[in-house]
Amino acid sequence: MQTIRKVRHRRADVDGLEVFYREAGSPDGPAVLLLHGFPSSSHTFHQVMPQVAEVAYVIAPDLPGFGLSSAPTVDAYDYTFENLSRTVERLLDTLGVERFFLYLHDFGAPVGYHLATRSPERVAGLIVQNGNAHAEGLGTQWDAAREYWAEPTDGNRAELGDWLNFAGTRDQYLAGLPDHLRELHPPESWHLDWERMRRPGNIEAQFALFTDYASHVARFDELAAYHSAHQPPALVLWGSRDVYFDLDEVLAYHRALQRVDSHLYDAGHFLLATHAVECAELMRAFVLDHA
């Protein structure tokens, strides 16, 4: 059992891109695909993978432009969530994974929902952790983004502020948190994220993905139709102090799906950094219940 739980660190060539991924567990078990968000990587999941691997084959890739995967420039790679999902899909095919549970966090949500809507029969269930799929989750903090997406002028871009820097990377983890939660976050997380984001051309790539988030928002009706037609079982894990996605998002999942188990924690956007043990136990139980 200890051998099965150990996390393996591997690389795969996917259409000329080097995709770094972590895996644990036996490939014979039910698969769990862990999709990270901005500005992080598969490192987000390093604490939960050994526990979940006792009951599942767990795969956590670094999306192109993130972590230890290749980071081509915007001229060499189409930084859209649909294209990221195609890269992940080909990785899954390489690994022989046909059906899987989807873990959706932040930018991982639009990537995962492309996989789900293209091939709903492949999705055994959703594990949603501070990932957005409904208008209810996008509060007034997104007003400047909505204005920019509607009219991408220099003036509207200036209203977005500057977050693609070290301070903005750190804020993804710490924004909105009181001191007793801030001190639980290991600072190497944002230092490592920023080190990778500083690669040549990567700031432009990250802004391209932010711009393409508008396409994810535009798909909310399509996602509602997917939820309604296929009713995947869902486990919702939520840091209630998230300043990016509103708590109303959790209620939106309950309205959309018939089988939802939700858990709220006194935590921020990066829930696993502070509540890995609790979340891993729930993920294990969810896989066992629905595999």
C-alpha atoms as a PDB file:
ATOM      1  CA  MET A   1       0.000   0.000   0.000  1.00  0.00           C
ATOM      2  CA  GLN A   2       2.824   2.402   0.768  1.00  0.00           C
ATOM      3  CA  THR A   3       4.280   1.870  -2.723  1.00  0.00           C
ATOM      4  CA  ILE A   4       0.928   2.592  -4.353  1.00  0.00           C
ATOM      5  CA  ARG A   5       0.584   5.839  -2.417  1.00  0.00           C
ATOM      6  CA  LYS A   6       3.956   7.213  -3.501  1.00  0.00           C
ATOM      7  CA  VAL A   7       3.782  10.050  -6.009  1.00  0.00           C
ATOM      8  CA  ARG A   8       5.680   9.556  -9.261  1.00  0.00           C
ATOM      9  CA  HIS A   9       6.967  12.562 -11.218  1.00  0.00           C
ATOM     10  CA  ARG A  10       6.972  12.125 -14.974  1.00  0.00           C
ATOM     11  CA  ARG A  11       7.062  13.887 -18.308  1.00  0.00           C
ATOM     12  CA  ALA A  12       5.263  13.163 -21.551  1.00  0.00           C
ATOM     13  CA  ASP A  13       5.681  14.489 -25.067  1.00  0.00           C
ATOM     14  CA  VAL A  14       2.291  15.790 -26.184  1.00  0.00           C
ATOM     15  CA  ASP A  15       2.369  17.195 -29.709  1.00  0.00           C
ATOM     16  CA  GLY A  16       5.899  18.461 -29.177  1.00  0.00           C
ATOM     17  CA  LEU A  17       5.176  19.949 -25.744  1.00  0.00           C
ATOM     18  CA  GLU A  18       6.826  18.549 -22.651  1.00  0.00           C
ATOM     19  CA  VAL A  19       4.009  18.033 -20.156  1.00  0.00           C
ATOM     20  CA  PHE A  20       5.079  17.423 -16.586  1.00  0.00           C
ATOM     21  CA  TYR A  21       2.653  15.415 -14.488  1.00  0.00           C
ATOM     22  CA  ARG A  22       2.412  13.713 -11.125  1.00  0.00           C
ATOM     23  CA  GLU A  23       0.722  10.354 -10.748  1.00  0.00           C
ATOM     24  CA  ALA A  24       0.018   7.997  -7.904  1.00  0.00           C
ATOM     25  CA  GLY A  25      -1.981   4.856  -7.408  1.00  0.00           C
ATOM     26  CA  SER A  26      -2.611   1.885  -9.641  1.00  0.00           C
ATOM     27  CA  PRO A  27      -3.691   2.499 -13.265  1.00  0.00           C
ATOM     28  CA  ASP A  28      -6.231  -0.279 -12.728  1.00  0.00           C
ATOM     29  CA  GLY A  29      -8.187   1.890 -10.282  1.00  0.00           C
ATOM     30  CA  PRO A  30     -10.726   4.618 -11.023  1.00  0.00           C
ATOM     31  CA  ALA A  31      -8.940   7.680 -12.375  1.00  0.00           C
ATOM     32  CA  VAL A  32      -8.996  11.127 -10.789  1.00  0.00           C
ATOM     33  CA  LEU A  33      -7.779  14.033 -12.935  1.00  0.00           C
ATOM     34  CA  LEU A  34      -6.616  16.987 -10.828  1.00  0.00           C
ATOM     35  CA  LEU A  35      -6.649  20.302 -12.718  1.00  0.00           C
ATOM     36  CA  HIS A  36      -4.899  23.203 -11.046  1.00  0.00           C
ATOM     37  CA  GLY A  37      -5.654  26.900 -11.328  1.00  0.00           C
ATOM     38  CA  PHE A  38      -3.799  30.166 -11.775  1.00  0.00           C
ATOM     39  CA  PRO A  39      -0.963  30.795 -10.998  1.00  0.00           C
ATOM     40  CA  SER A  40      -0.066  27.388  -9.615  1.00  0.00           C
ATOM     41  CA  SER A  41       0.717  23.882 -10.831  1.00  0.00           C
ATOM     42  CA  SER A  42       0.271  20.242  -9.891  1.00  0.00           C
ATOM     43  CA  HIS A  43       2.221  21.105  -6.740  1.00  0.00           C
ATOM     44  CA  THR A  44      -1.174  22.237  -5.418  1.00  0.00           C
ATOM     45  CA  PHE A  45      -2.103  18.579  -5.001  1.00  0.00           C
ATOM     46  CA  HIS A  46       1.048  17.090  -3.536  1.00  0.00           C
ATOM     47  CA  GLN A  47      -0.471  16.654  -0.076  1.00  0.00           C
ATOM     48  CA  VAL A  48      -3.745  14.990  -1.143  1.00  0.00           C
ATOM     49  CA  MET A  49      -2.407  12.655  -3.815  1.00  0.00           C
ATOM     50  CA  PRO A  50      -0.966   9.915  -1.546  1.00  0.00           C
ATOM     51  CA  GLN A  51      -4.212   9.528   0.389  1.00  0.00           C
ATOM     52  CA  VAL A  52      -6.474   9.550  -2.669  1.00  0.00           C
ATOM     53  CA  ALA A  53      -4.119   7.116  -4.423  1.00  0.00           C
ATOM     54  CA  GLU A  54      -5.136   4.405  -1.944  1.00  0.00           C
ATOM     55  CA  VAL A  55      -8.439   4.125  -3.830  1.00  0.00           C
ATOM     56  CA  ALA A  56      -7.727   5.677  -7.234  1.00  0.00           C
ATOM     57  CA  TYR A  57      -5.249   6.328 -10.022  1.00  0.00           C
ATOM     58  CA  VAL A  58      -4.489  10.017  -9.553  1.00  0.00           C
ATOM     59  CA  ILE A  59      -3.086  12.227 -12.330  1.00  0.00           C
ATOM     60  CA  ALA A  60      -2.125  15.884 -11.890  1.00  0.00           C
ATOM     61  CA  PRO A  61      -0.606  17.597 -14.951  1.00  0.00           C
ATOM     62  CA  ASP A  62       1.015  21.000 -15.113  1.00  0.00           C
ATOM     63  CA  LEU A  63      -0.934  22.826 -17.803  1.00  0.00           C
ATOM     64  CA  PRO A  64       1.163  24.317 -20.628  1.00  0.00           C
ATOM     65  CA  GLY A  65       2.602  27.622 -19.441  1.00  0.00           C
ATOM     66  CA  PHE A  66       2.520  26.525 -15.795  1.00  0.00           C
ATOM     67  CA  GLY A  67       4.811  24.721 -13.407  1.00  0.00           C
ATOM     68  CA  LEU A  68       7.360  22.429 -15.035  1.00  0.00           C
ATOM     69  CA  SER A  69       5.540  21.956 -18.337  1.00  0.00           C
ATOM     70  CA  SER A  70       6.670  23.701 -21.490  1.00  0.00           C
ATOM     71  CA  ALA A  71       5.815  27.389 -21.704  1.00  0.00           C
ATOM     72  CA  PRO A  72       5.806  28.307 -25.397  1.00  0.00           C
ATOM     73  CA  THR A  73       5.126  31.909 -26.366  1.00  0.00           C
ATOM     74  CA  VAL A  74       1.698  33.025 -27.524  1.00  0.00           C
ATOM     75  CA  ASP A  75       3.001  32.878 -31.100  1.00  0.00           C
ATOM     76  CA  ALA A  76       3.815  29.190 -30.735  1.00  0.00           C
ATOM     77  CA  TYR A  77       0.824  27.935 -28.708  1.00  0.00           C
ATOM     78  CA  ASP A  78      -2.834  28.901 -28.644  1.00  0.00           C
ATOM     79  CA  TYR A  79      -3.453  29.846 -25.011  1.00  0.00           C
ATOM     80  CA  THR A  80      -7.154  29.150 -24.798  1.00  0.00           C
ATOM     81  CA  PHE A  81      -8.893  26.882 -22.328  1.00  0.00           C
ATOM     82  CA  GLU A  82     -10.201  24.727 -25.137  1.00  0.00           C
ATOM     83  CA  ASN A  83      -6.685  24.188 -26.453  1.00  0.00           C
ATOM     84  CA  LEU A  84      -5.373  23.436 -22.961  1.00  0.00           C
ATOM     85  CA  SER A  85      -8.101  20.815 -22.682  1.00  0.00           C
ATOM     86  CA  ARG A  86      -6.984  19.254 -25.964  1.00  0.00           C
ATOM     87  CA  THR A  87      -3.456  18.917 -24.589  1.00  0.00           C
ATOM     88  CA  VAL A  88      -4.783  17.309 -21.397  1.00  0.00           C
ATOM     89  CA  GLU A  89      -7.051  15.033 -23.423  1.00  0.00           C
ATOM     90  CA  ARG A  90      -4.127  13.748 -25.469  1.00  0.00           C
ATOM     91  CA  LEU A  91      -2.150  13.165 -22.270  1.00  0.00           C
ATOM     92  CA  LEU A  92      -5.021  11.059 -20.918  1.00  0.00           C
ATOM     93  CA  ASP A  93      -5.139   9.092 -24.150  1.00  0.00           C
ATOM     94  CA  THR A  94      -1.382   8.477 -23.893  1.00  0.00           C
ATOM     95  CA  LEU A  95      -1.887   7.144 -20.368  1.00  0.00           C
ATOM     96  CA  GLY A  96      -4.823   4.987 -21.437  1.00  0.00           C
ATOM     97  CA  VAL A  97      -7.342   6.772 -19.212  1.00  0.00           C
ATOM     98  CA  GLU A  98     -10.872   6.474 -20.548  1.00  0.00           C
ATOM     99  CA  ARG A  99     -13.118   7.529 -17.654  1.00  0.00           C
ATOM    100  CA  PHE A 100     -12.234   9.810 -14.766  1.00  0.00           C
ATOM    101  CA  PHE A 101     -13.336  12.043 -11.941  1.00  0.00           C
ATOM    102  CA  LEU A 102     -12.645  15.730 -12.605  1.00  0.00           C
ATOM    103  CA  TYR A 103     -11.166  18.012  -9.954  1.00  0.00           C
ATOM    104  CA  LEU A 104     -11.895  21.598 -10.977  1.00  0.00           C
ATOM    105  CA  HIS A 105     -10.059  24.513  -9.378  1.00  0.00           C
ATOM    106  CA  ASP A 106      -9.974  28.074 -10.731  1.00  0.00           C
ATOM    107  CA  PHE A 107      -8.559  27.948 -14.319  1.00  0.00           C
ATOM    108  CA  GLY A 108      -8.873  24.169 -14.119  1.00  0.00           C
ATOM    109  CA  ALA A 109     -12.657  24.567 -14.265  1.00  0.00           C
ATOM    110  CA  PRO A 110     -12.866  25.849 -17.872  1.00  0.00           C
ATOM    111  CA  VAL A 111     -10.289  23.262 -18.935  1.00  0.00           C
ATOM    112  CA  GLY A 112     -12.228  20.454 -17.272  1.00  0.00           C
ATOM    113  CA  TYR A 113     -15.615  21.575 -18.540  1.00  0.00           C
ATOM    114  CA  HIS A 114     -14.336  21.416 -22.113  1.00  0.00           C
ATOM    115  CA  LEU A 115     -13.421  17.796 -21.458  1.00  0.00           C
ATOM    116  CA  ALA A 116     -16.804  17.129 -19.852  1.00  0.00           C
ATOM    117  CA  THR A 117     -18.974  18.711 -22.538  1.00  0.00           C
ATOM    118  CA  ARG A 118     -17.032  17.073 -25.382  1.00  0.00           C
ATOM    119  CA  SER A 119     -17.227  13.601 -23.844  1.00  0.00           C
ATOM    120  CA  PRO A 120     -19.730  13.514 -20.973  1.00  0.00           C
ATOM    121  CA  GLU A 121     -19.630   9.723 -20.862  1.00  0.00           C
ATOM    122  CA  ARG A 122     -16.010   9.899 -19.697  1.00  0.00           C
ATOM    123  CA  VAL A 123     -16.781  11.879 -16.535  1.00  0.00           C
ATOM    124  CA  ALA A 124     -17.560   9.802 -13.436  1.00  0.00           C
ATOM    125  CA  GLY A 125     -18.096  12.839 -11.212  1.00  0.00           C
ATOM    126  CA  LEU A 126     -17.028  16.383 -10.402  1.00  0.00           C
ATOM    127  CA  ILE A 127     -14.942  17.584  -7.483  1.00  0.00           C
ATOM    128  CA  VAL A 128     -15.276  21.360  -7.463  1.00  0.00           C
ATOM    129  CA  GLN A 129     -12.901  23.393  -5.325  1.00  0.00           C
ATOM    130  CA  ASN A 130     -13.306  27.139  -5.688  1.00  0.00           C
ATOM    131  CA  GLY A 131     -13.990  26.774  -9.384  1.00  0.00           C
ATOM    132  CA  ASN A 132     -16.656  28.759 -11.198  1.00  0.00           C
ATOM    133  CA  ALA A 133     -19.363  27.639 -13.632  1.00  0.00           C
ATOM    134  CA  HIS A 134     -22.283  29.994 -12.870  1.00  0.00           C
ATOM    135  CA  ALA A 135     -22.920  33.711 -13.058  1.00  0.00           C
ATOM    136  CA  GLU A 136     -23.736  33.696  -9.336  1.00  0.00           C
ATOM    137  CA  GLY A 137     -20.093  33.117  -8.478  1.00  0.00           C
ATOM    138  CA  LEU A 138     -18.817  36.198 -10.289  1.00  0.00           C
ATOM    139  CA  GLY A 139     -19.500  39.204  -8.073  1.00  0.00           C
ATOM    140  CA  THR A 140     -18.708  42.872  -8.484  1.00  0.00           C
ATOM    141  CA  GLN A 141     -14.981  42.108  -8.233  1.00  0.00           C
ATOM    142  CA  TRP A 142     -15.294  40.946 -11.851  1.00  0.00           C
ATOM    143  CA  ASP A 143     -16.862  44.169 -13.173  1.00  0.00           C
ATOM    144  CA  ALA A 144     -13.593  45.544 -14.578  1.00  0.00           C
ATOM    145  CA  ALA A 145     -12.879  42.211 -16.250  1.00  0.00           C
ATOM    146  CA  ARG A 146     -16.336  42.125 -17.812  1.00  0.00           C
ATOM    147  CA  GLU A 147     -15.830  45.638 -19.170  1.00  0.00           C
ATOM    148  CA  TYR A 148     -12.467  44.684 -20.631  1.00  0.00           C
ATOM    149  CA  TRP A 149     -13.828  41.495 -22.223  1.00  0.00           C
ATOM    150  CA  ALA A 150     -16.658  43.483 -23.801  1.00  0.00           C
ATOM    151  CA  GLU A 151     -14.354  46.264 -25.008  1.00  0.00           C
ATOM    152  CA  PRO A 152     -10.619  45.412 -24.814  1.00  0.00           C
ATOM    153  CA  THR A 153      -9.268  48.969 -24.996  1.00  0.00           C
ATOM    154  CA  ASP A 154      -6.087  50.256 -23.386  1.00  0.00           C
ATOM    155  CA  GLY A 155      -8.205  52.271 -20.958  1.00  0.00           C
ATOM    156  CA  ASN A 156     -10.235  49.249 -19.854  1.00  0.00           C
ATOM    157  CA  ARG A 157      -7.078  47.199 -19.518  1.00  0.00           C
ATOM    158  CA  ALA A 158      -5.623  49.862 -17.225  1.00  0.00           C
ATOM    159  CA  GLU A 159      -8.710  49.532 -15.002  1.00  0.00           C
ATOM    160  CA  LEU A 160      -7.806  45.875 -14.403  1.00  0.00           C
ATOM    161  CA  GLY A 161      -4.818  46.887 -12.329  1.00  0.00           C
ATOM    162  CA  ASP A 162      -1.531  45.020 -12.315  1.00  0.00           C
ATOM    163  CA  TRP A 163      -1.705  41.521 -10.880  1.00  0.00           C
ATOM    164  CA  LEU A 164       0.701  39.603 -13.143  1.00  0.00           C
ATOM    165  CA  ASN A 165       3.608  40.252 -10.814  1.00  0.00           C
ATOM    166  CA  PHE A 166       5.025  38.839  -7.590  1.00  0.00           C
ATOM    167  CA  ALA A 167       2.542  40.661  -5.343  1.00  0.00           C
ATOM    168  CA  GLY A 168      -0.404  39.494  -7.432  1.00  0.00           C
ATOM    169  CA  THR A 169       0.874  35.926  -7.349  1.00  0.00           C
ATOM    170  CA  ARG A 170       1.132  36.040  -3.561  1.00  0.00           C
ATOM    171  CA  ASP A 171      -2.352  37.551  -3.279  1.00  0.00           C
ATOM    172  CA  GLN A 172      -3.880  34.517  -4.950  1.00  0.00           C
ATOM    173  CA  TYR A 173      -3.013  32.666  -1.761  1.00  0.00           C
ATOM    174  CA  LEU A 174      -3.357  35.303   0.930  1.00  0.00           C
ATOM    175  CA  ALA A 175      -5.886  37.927  -0.191  1.00  0.00           C
ATOM    176  CA  GLY A 176      -8.756  38.314   2.243  1.00  0.00           C
ATOM    177  CA  LEU A 177      -7.259  36.058   4.914  1.00  0.00           C
ATOM    178  CA  PRO A 178      -6.729  36.942   8.586  1.00  0.00           C
ATOM    179  CA  ASP A 179      -3.334  36.365  10.142  1.00  0.00           C
ATOM    180  CA  HIS A 180      -4.220  32.997  11.664  1.00  0.00           C
ATOM    181  CA  LEU A 181      -4.833  31.621   8.168  1.00  0.00           C
ATOM    182  CA  ARG A 182      -2.042  33.483   6.401  1.00  0.00           C
ATOM    183  CA  GLU A 183       0.559  31.836   8.582  1.00  0.00           C
ATOM    184  CA  LEU A 184      -0.655  28.385   7.483  1.00  0.00           C
ATOM    185  CA  HIS A 185       0.326  29.030   3.859  1.00  0.00           C
ATOM    186  CA  PRO A 186       3.896  27.982   2.990  1.00  0.00           C
ATOM    187  CA  PRO A 187       5.492  30.973   1.229  1.00  0.00           C
ATOM    188  CA  GLU A 188       7.436  28.785  -1.201  1.00  0.00           C
ATOM    189  CA  SER A 189       4.139  28.284  -3.061  1.00  0.00           C
ATOM    190  CA  TRP A 190       3.982  31.768  -4.528  1.00  0.00           C
ATOM    191  CA  HIS A 191       7.749  32.055  -4.828  1.00  0.00           C
ATOM    192  CA  LEU A 192       7.811  28.936  -7.014  1.00  0.00           C
ATOM    193  CA  ASP A 193       4.777  30.093  -9.015  1.00  0.00           C
ATOM    194  CA  TRP A 194       6.343  33.472  -9.712  1.00  0.00           C
ATOM    195  CA  GLU A 195       9.664  31.903 -10.679  1.00  0.00           C
ATOM    196  CA  ARG A 196       7.905  29.884 -13.385  1.00  0.00           C
ATOM    197  CA  MET A 197       5.682  32.776 -14.484  1.00  0.00           C
ATOM    198  CA  ARG A 198       8.764  34.896 -15.121  1.00  0.00           C
ATOM    199  CA  ARG A 199       9.827  32.718 -18.043  1.00  0.00           C
ATOM    200  CA  PRO A 200      10.166  34.695 -21.307  1.00  0.00           C
ATOM    201  CA  GLY A 201       6.760  35.395 -22.820  1.00  0.00           C
ATOM    202  CA  ASN A 202       4.817  33.820 -19.986  1.00  0.00           C
ATOM    203  CA  ILE A 203       3.197  37.020 -18.710  1.00  0.00           C
ATOM    204  CA  GLU A 204       1.656  37.469 -22.157  1.00  0.00           C
ATOM    205  CA  ALA A 205       0.509  33.847 -22.101  1.00  0.00           C
ATOM    206  CA  GLN A 206      -1.168  34.303 -18.714  1.00  0.00           C
ATOM    207  CA  PHE A 207      -2.941  37.434 -19.908  1.00  0.00           C
ATOM    208  CA  ALA A 208      -4.144  35.547 -22.979  1.00  0.00           C
ATOM    209  CA  LEU A 209      -5.739  32.962 -20.697  1.00  0.00           C
ATOM    210  CA  PHE A 210      -7.322  35.664 -18.556  1.00  0.00           C
ATOM    211  CA  THR A 211      -8.770  37.182 -21.729  1.00  0.00           C
ATOM    212  CA  ASP A 212     -10.080  33.785 -22.818  1.00  0.00           C
ATOM    213  CA  TYR A 213     -11.889  33.376 -19.489  1.00  0.00           C
ATOM    214  CA  ALA A 214     -14.599  35.421 -21.217  1.00  0.00           C
ATOM    215  CA  SER A 215     -15.221  32.394 -23.434  1.00  0.00           C
ATOM    216  CA  HIS A 216     -15.767  30.282 -20.318  1.00  0.00           C
ATOM    217  CA  VAL A 217     -18.320  32.761 -18.974  1.00  0.00           C
ATOM    218  CA  ALA A 218     -20.024  32.758 -22.368  1.00  0.00           C
ATOM    219  CA  ARG A 219     -20.449  28.980 -22.037  1.00  0.00           C
ATOM    220  CA  PHE A 220     -22.423  29.095 -18.785  1.00  0.00           C
ATOM    221  CA  ASP A 221     -25.682  28.220 -20.575  1.00  0.00           C
ATOM    222  CA  GLU A 222     -23.940  25.289 -22.251  1.00  0.00           C
ATOM    223  CA  LEU A 223     -22.603  24.143 -18.892  1.00  0.00           C
ATOM    224  CA  ALA A 224     -26.083  24.428 -17.391  1.00  0.00           C
ATOM    225  CA  ALA A 225     -27.364  22.177 -20.170  1.00  0.00           C
ATOM    226  CA  TYR A 226     -24.569  19.696 -19.453  1.00  0.00           C
ATOM    227  CA  HIS A 227     -25.425  19.648 -15.743  1.00  0.00           C
ATOM    228  CA  SER A 228     -29.120  19.232 -16.461  1.00  0.00           C
ATOM    229  CA  ALA A 229     -28.744  16.473 -19.035  1.00  0.00           C
ATOM    230  CA  HIS A 230     -26.021  14.381 -17.391  1.00  0.00           C
ATOM    231  CA  GLN A 231     -26.346  15.146 -13.675  1.00  0.00           C
ATOM    232  CA  PRO A 232     -22.833  14.131 -12.652  1.00  0.00           C
ATOM    233  CA  PRO A 233     -22.449  13.535  -8.919  1.00  0.00           C
ATOM    234  CA  ALA A 234     -20.504  16.395  -7.358  1.00  0.00           C
ATOM    235  CA  LEU A 235     -18.392  17.033  -4.299  1.00  0.00           C
ATOM    236  CA  VAL A 236     -17.948  20.762  -3.621  1.00  0.00           C
ATOM    237  CA  LEU A 237     -15.048  21.819  -1.391  1.00  0.00           C
ATOM    238  CA  TRP A 238     -14.950  25.546  -0.756  1.00  0.00           C
ATOM    239  CA  GLY A 239     -12.777  28.061   1.022  1.00  0.00           C
ATOM    240  CA  SER A 240     -15.381  30.515   2.283  1.00  0.00           C
ATOM    241  CA  ARG A 241     -12.980  33.482   2.373  1.00  0.00           C
ATOM    242  CA  ASP A 242     -12.245  33.306  -1.358  1.00  0.00           C
ATOM    243  CA  VAL A 243     -12.139  36.891  -2.675  1.00  0.00           C
ATOM    244  CA  TYR A 244     -12.284  35.794  -6.321  1.00  0.00           C
ATOM    245  CA  PHE A 245     -15.359  33.553  -6.457  1.00  0.00           C
ATOM    246  CA  ASP A 246     -18.437  34.259  -4.353  1.00  0.00           C
ATOM    247  CA  LEU A 247     -19.991  31.753  -1.980  1.00  0.00           C
ATOM    248  CA  ASP A 248     -23.197  31.897  -4.053  1.00  0.00           C
ATOM    249  CA  GLU A 249     -21.406  29.591  -6.482  1.00  0.00           C
ATOM    250  CA  VAL A 250     -21.863  26.717  -4.038  1.00  0.00           C
ATOM    251  CA  LEU A 251     -25.613  27.280  -3.930  1.00  0.00           C
ATOM    252  CA  ALA A 252     -25.688  27.441  -7.725  1.00  0.00           C
ATOM    253  CA  TYR A 253     -24.255  23.921  -7.869  1.00  0.00           C
ATOM    254  CA  HIS A 254     -26.961  22.727  -5.503  1.00  0.00           C
ATOM    255  CA  ARG A 255     -29.631  24.214  -7.736  1.00  0.00           C
ATOM    256  CA  ALA A 256     -28.110  22.678 -10.862  1.00  0.00           C
ATOM    257  CA  LEU A 257     -27.356  19.145  -9.686  1.00  0.00           C
ATOM    258  CA  GLN A 258     -29.346  16.494  -7.855  1.00  0.00           C
ATOM    259  CA  ARG A 259     -26.394  14.831  -6.108  1.00  0.00           C
ATOM    260  CA  VAL A 260     -24.183  17.425  -4.435  1.00  0.00           C
ATOM    261  CA  ASP A 261     -22.223  17.104  -1.219  1.00  0.00           C
ATOM    262  CA  SER A 262     -20.707  20.464  -0.233  1.00  0.00           C
ATOM    263  CA  HIS A 263     -18.276  21.385   2.533  1.00  0.00           C
ATOM    264  CA  LEU A 264     -17.303  24.929   3.533  1.00  0.00           C
ATOM    265  CA  TYR A 265     -14.073  25.733   5.306  1.00  0.00           C
ATOM    266  CA  ASP A 266     -12.608  28.783   6.979  1.00  0.00           C
ATOM    267  CA  ALA A 267     -10.040  29.155   4.214  1.00  0.00           C
ATOM    268  CA  GLY A 268      -9.158  31.083   1.087  1.00  0.00           C
ATOM    269  CA  HIS A 269      -8.887  30.438  -2.624  1.00  0.00           C
ATOM    270  CA  PHE A 270      -6.173  27.785  -2.185  1.00  0.00           C
ATOM    271  CA  LEU A 271      -8.068  25.498   0.167  1.00  0.00           C
ATOM    272  CA  LEU A 272      -5.696  22.535  -0.093  1.00  0.00           C
ATOM    273  CA  ALA A 273      -2.826  24.565   1.311  1.00  0.00           C
ATOM    274  CA  THR A 274      -4.597  24.658   4.680  1.00  0.00           C
ATOM    275  CA  HIS A 275      -7.098  21.775   4.632  1.00  0.00           C
ATOM    276  CA  ALA A 276      -5.456  18.987   2.652  1.00  0.00           C
ATOM    277  CA  VAL A 277      -6.170  16.227   5.172  1.00  0.00           C
ATOM    278  CA  GLU A 278      -9.879  17.000   5.438  1.00  0.00           C
ATOM    279  CA  CYS A 279     -10.310  17.318   1.674  1.00  0.00           C
ATOM    280  CA  ALA A 280      -8.379  14.141   0.896  1.00  0.00           C
ATOM    281  CA  GLU A 281     -10.667  12.122   3.176  1.00  0.00           C
ATOM    282  CA  LEU A 282     -13.753  13.487   1.432  1.00  0.00           C
ATOM    283  CA  MET A 283     -12.265  12.886  -2.012  1.00  0.00           C
ATOM    284  CA  ARG A 284     -11.494   9.253  -1.126  1.00  0.00           C
ATOM    285  CA  ALA A 285     -15.032   8.672   0.083  1.00  0.00           C
ATOM    286  CA  PHE A 286     -16.505  10.354  -2.998  1.00  0.00           C
ATOM    287  CA  VAL A 287     -14.514   8.149  -5.372  1.00  0.00           C
ATOM    288  CA  LEU A 288     -15.449   5.003  -3.446  1.00  0.00           C
ATOM    289  CA  ASP A 289     -19.151   5.974  -3.502  1.00  0.00           C
ATOM    290  CA  HIS A 290     -19.305   6.723  -7.238  1.00  0.00           C
ATOM    291  CA  ALA A 291     -16.657   4.629  -8.967  1.00  0.00           C
END
